[in-house]
Structures are given as C-alpha cells and as structure tokens.
Amino acid sequence: WMLALTALLNPKARPDHLDACTEERLRLLVHAGELNAFEFEQMNEAHRFLTALRWRIDFLGYPEWLMPENPDRLDHLAEHLDLADGNALLAMHQALTEASASLVQEQIERLKERIR
C-alpha cells in the first residue's frame, strides 16, 4: 500500500502497466526520488525474504502465513531458506520486518509533510 499511496502523490512513481511487480514498483520510487538506493535495497530484500518465507511455509504444509512455533519445524523451515537454524530465521525475520516497518513509517511521514 505504501507503493500505491506514493504513486498517488507522485506520477513518476506510477508503473506503466497494472501487473508491475513489487521490485519494479520500488525501482520507480527510486527514479521518482521517493526512495534512495539504500532504502530500495532494504525494502527489496525484505520483500524477497518474506515472499520466499511465505512460499516455503505453504510448500511445507504449515498453517498459512504462520511461522511455526515448534522448534523442529522452525529449524526445518530455516534449512529450506539456507539459514543455519530456527534462531537465525527468527533473527532475520525480525531484522527485516523492523527495518521495512521503519522505512514505511519514514515514507508515510515524508508523504504527510508533502500534503500539508
């Protein structure tokens, strides 16, 4: 929704077609001056990781959208994501979600300043 909201206020951030992928939309935000390269990398990395996580959870037959609480299942999921163990998975998940949430909040604040 951050991508769509920003595109409403900046026509340069709008994709030419409706089926633009998230990475393409993030690149448009960089070209429109809405995100810098560092922010792009953080958001794109978080998106890729969370998408891969969602696919693996589904592939392994775990309840949809839920990170397993069972340590063995968590380790198994981590193995499918090429991470050392469940603790590494939880640490990566926390770091990426916190970083992306912070960037989204910063972008919202920038947009609020623009419409005042």
C-alpha atoms as a PDB file:
ATOM      1  CA  TRP A   1       0.000   0.000   0.000  1.00  0.00           C
ATOM      2  CA  MET A   2       2.970   2.315   0.538  1.00  0.00           C
ATOM      3  CA  LEU A   3       3.777   1.931  -3.160  1.00  0.00           C
ATOM      4  CA  ALA A   4       0.232   2.795  -4.214  1.00  0.00           C
ATOM      5  CA  LEU A   5      -0.044   5.733  -1.817  1.00  0.00           C
ATOM      6  CA  THR A   6       3.226   7.224  -3.019  1.00  0.00           C
ATOM      7  CA  ALA A   7       2.198   6.747  -6.654  1.00  0.00           C
ATOM      8  CA  LEU A   8      -0.982   8.727  -5.987  1.00  0.00           C
ATOM      9  CA  LEU A   9       1.097  11.738  -4.965  1.00  0.00           C
ATOM     10  CA  ASN A  10       3.911  11.352  -7.489  1.00  0.00           C
ATOM     11  CA  PRO A  11       3.005  10.448 -11.080  1.00  0.00           C
ATOM     12  CA  LYS A  12       6.642   9.491 -11.761  1.00  0.00           C
ATOM     13  CA  ALA A  13       6.220   6.626  -9.286  1.00  0.00           C
ATOM     14  CA  ARG A  14       3.327   5.086 -11.239  1.00  0.00           C
ATOM     15  CA  PRO A  15       4.010   1.981 -13.303  1.00  0.00           C
ATOM     16  CA  ASP A  16       3.029   1.914 -16.976  1.00  0.00           C
ATOM     17  CA  HIS A  17       1.076  -1.308 -16.506  1.00  0.00           C
ATOM     18  CA  LEU A  18      -1.073  -2.782 -13.755  1.00  0.00           C
ATOM     19  CA  ASP A  19       0.865  -6.021 -13.344  1.00  0.00           C
ATOM     20  CA  ALA A  20       4.160  -4.398 -12.337  1.00  0.00           C
ATOM     21  CA  CYS A  21       5.978  -6.493  -9.738  1.00  0.00           C
ATOM     22  CA  THR A  22       6.979  -5.114  -6.367  1.00  0.00           C
ATOM     23  CA  GLU A  23      10.653  -4.760  -7.322  1.00  0.00           C
ATOM     24  CA  GLU A  24       9.695  -2.775 -10.415  1.00  0.00           C
ATOM     25  CA  ARG A  25       7.450  -0.518  -8.333  1.00  0.00           C
ATOM     26  CA  LEU A  26      10.230   0.031  -5.799  1.00  0.00           C
ATOM     27  CA  ARG A  27      12.618   0.967  -8.631  1.00  0.00           C
ATOM     28  CA  LEU A  28      10.077   3.512  -9.842  1.00  0.00           C
ATOM     29  CA  LEU A  29      10.112   5.086  -6.383  1.00  0.00           C
ATOM     30  CA  VAL A  30      13.891   5.432  -6.618  1.00  0.00           C
ATOM     31  CA  HIS A  31      13.685   7.011 -10.079  1.00  0.00           C
ATOM     32  CA  ALA A  32      10.948   9.339  -8.842  1.00  0.00           C
ATOM     33  CA  GLY A  33      13.144  10.455  -5.942  1.00  0.00           C
ATOM     34  CA  GLU A  34      10.886   8.887  -3.307  1.00  0.00           C
ATOM     35  CA  LEU A  35      13.412   6.295  -2.061  1.00  0.00           C
ATOM     36  CA  ASN A  36      17.190   6.263  -2.080  1.00  0.00           C
ATOM     37  CA  ALA A  37      19.269   3.257  -3.175  1.00  0.00           C
ATOM     38  CA  PHE A  38      19.791   2.057   0.399  1.00  0.00           C
ATOM     39  CA  GLU A  39      16.067   2.178   1.149  1.00  0.00           C
ATOM     40  CA  PHE A  40      15.358   0.346  -2.104  1.00  0.00           C
ATOM     41  CA  GLU A  41      17.776  -2.446  -1.169  1.00  0.00           C
ATOM     42  CA  GLN A  42      16.273  -2.799   2.301  1.00  0.00           C
ATOM     43  CA  MET A  43      12.690  -2.904   1.052  1.00  0.00           C
ATOM     44  CA  ASN A  44      13.518  -5.233  -1.831  1.00  0.00           C
ATOM     45  CA  GLU A  45      15.474  -7.622   0.411  1.00  0.00           C
ATOM     46  CA  ALA A  46      12.628  -7.709   2.926  1.00  0.00           C
ATOM     47  CA  HIS A  47      10.080  -8.331   0.180  1.00  0.00           C
ATOM     48  CA  ARG A  48      12.120 -11.159  -1.346  1.00  0.00           C
ATOM     49  CA  PHE A  49      12.751 -12.818   2.012  1.00  0.00           C
ATOM     50  CA  LEU A  50       9.143 -12.570   3.196  1.00  0.00           C
ATOM     51  CA  THR A  51       7.859 -13.862  -0.141  1.00  0.00           C
ATOM     52  CA  ALA A  52      10.267 -16.811  -0.025  1.00  0.00           C
ATOM     53  CA  LEU A  53       9.247 -17.457   3.578  1.00  0.00           C
ATOM     54  CA  ARG A  54       5.558 -17.455   2.669  1.00  0.00           C
ATOM     55  CA  TRP A  55       6.191 -19.873  -0.236  1.00  0.00           C
ATOM     56  CA  ARG A  56       8.219 -22.238   1.966  1.00  0.00           C
ATOM     57  CA  ILE A  57       5.589 -22.204   4.698  1.00  0.00           C
ATOM     58  CA  ASP A  58       2.988 -23.140   2.114  1.00  0.00           C
ATOM     59  CA  PHE A  59       5.240 -25.759   0.467  1.00  0.00           C
ATOM     60  CA  LEU A  60       5.937 -27.443   3.794  1.00  0.00           C
ATOM     61  CA  GLY A  61       2.222 -27.557   4.600  1.00  0.00           C
ATOM     62  CA  TYR A  62       2.386 -25.404   7.712  1.00  0.00           C
ATOM     63  CA  PRO A  63      -0.667 -23.315   8.586  1.00  0.00           C
ATOM     64  CA  GLU A  64      -0.859 -20.496   6.067  1.00  0.00           C
ATOM     65  CA  TRP A  65       1.025 -17.292   6.924  1.00  0.00           C
ATOM     66  CA  LEU A  66       2.071 -18.564  10.348  1.00  0.00           C
ATOM     67  CA  MET A  67       5.649 -19.026  11.470  1.00  0.00           C
ATOM     68  CA  PRO A  68       5.851 -22.429  13.170  1.00  0.00           C
ATOM     69  CA  GLU A  69       6.315 -22.385  16.932  1.00  0.00           C
ATOM     70  CA  ASN A  70       7.642 -25.943  17.064  1.00  0.00           C
ATOM     71  CA  PRO A  71      11.477 -25.679  17.190  1.00  0.00           C
ATOM     72  CA  ASP A  72      11.939 -28.677  14.873  1.00  0.00           C
ATOM     73  CA  ARG A  73       9.601 -27.199  12.278  1.00  0.00           C
ATOM     74  CA  LEU A  74      11.287 -23.835  12.638  1.00  0.00           C
ATOM     75  CA  ASP A  75      14.691 -25.449  12.042  1.00  0.00           C
ATOM     76  CA  HIS A  76      13.263 -27.326   9.058  1.00  0.00           C
ATOM     77  CA  LEU A  77      11.883 -24.104   7.594  1.00  0.00           C
ATOM     78  CA  ALA A  78      15.232 -22.376   8.185  1.00  0.00           C
ATOM     79  CA  GLU A  79      17.004 -25.186   6.348  1.00  0.00           C
ATOM     80  CA  HIS A  80      14.752 -24.592   3.321  1.00  0.00           C
ATOM     81  CA  LEU A  81      15.771 -20.935   3.377  1.00  0.00           C
ATOM     82  CA  ASP A  82      19.507 -21.765   3.615  1.00  0.00           C
ATOM     83  CA  LEU A  83      19.735 -20.430   7.159  1.00  0.00           C
ATOM     84  CA  ALA A  84      21.646 -22.105   9.993  1.00  0.00           C
ATOM     85  CA  ASP A  85      18.669 -22.787  12.261  1.00  0.00           C
ATOM     86  CA  GLY A  86      15.360 -21.533  13.559  1.00  0.00           C
ATOM     87  CA  ASN A  87      17.024 -18.857  15.660  1.00  0.00           C
ATOM     88  CA  ALA A  88      18.772 -17.475  12.574  1.00  0.00           C
ATOM     89  CA  LEU A  89      15.423 -17.465  10.775  1.00  0.00           C
ATOM     90  CA  LEU A  90      13.707 -15.595  13.610  1.00  0.00           C
ATOM     91  CA  ALA A  91      16.565 -13.081  13.797  1.00  0.00           C
ATOM     92  CA  MET A  92      16.460 -12.466  10.030  1.00  0.00           C
ATOM     93  CA  HIS A  93      12.674 -12.137  10.080  1.00  0.00           C
ATOM     94  CA  GLN A  94      12.752  -9.666  12.957  1.00  0.00           C
ATOM     95  CA  ALA A  95      15.551  -7.566  11.474  1.00  0.00           C
ATOM     96  CA  LEU A  96      13.933  -7.307   8.043  1.00  0.00           C
ATOM     97  CA  THR A  97      10.412  -6.641   9.283  1.00  0.00           C
ATOM     98  CA  GLU A  98      11.611  -3.974  11.725  1.00  0.00           C
ATOM     99  CA  ALA A  99      13.750  -2.284   9.066  1.00  0.00           C
ATOM    100  CA  SER A 100      10.974  -2.294   6.471  1.00  0.00           C
ATOM    101  CA  ALA A 101       8.372  -1.092   9.013  1.00  0.00           C
ATOM    102  CA  SER A 102      10.677   1.779   9.907  1.00  0.00           C
ATOM    103  CA  LEU A 103      11.127   2.705   6.242  1.00  0.00           C
ATOM    104  CA  VAL A 104       7.393   2.581   5.620  1.00  0.00           C
ATOM    105  CA  GLN A 105       6.838   4.878   8.605  1.00  0.00           C
ATOM    106  CA  GLU A 106       9.500   7.279   7.316  1.00  0.00           C
ATOM    107  CA  GLN A 107       7.861   7.304   3.884  1.00  0.00           C
ATOM    108  CA  ILE A 108       4.469   7.994   5.433  1.00  0.00           C
ATOM    109  CA  GLU A 109       5.945  10.936   7.348  1.00  0.00           C
ATOM    110  CA  ARG A 110       7.502  12.304   4.132  1.00  0.00           C
ATOM    111  CA  LEU A 111       4.155  11.990   2.361  1.00  0.00           C
ATOM    112  CA  LYS A 112       2.342  13.715   5.242  1.00  0.00           C
ATOM    113  CA  GLU A 113       4.757  16.626   5.027  1.00  0.00           C
ATOM    114  CA  ARG A 114       4.101  16.917   1.308  1.00  0.00           C
ATOM    115  CA  ILE A 115       0.325  17.155   1.639  1.00  0.00           C
ATOM    116  CA  ARG A 116       0.361  19.707   4.471  1.00  0.00           C
END
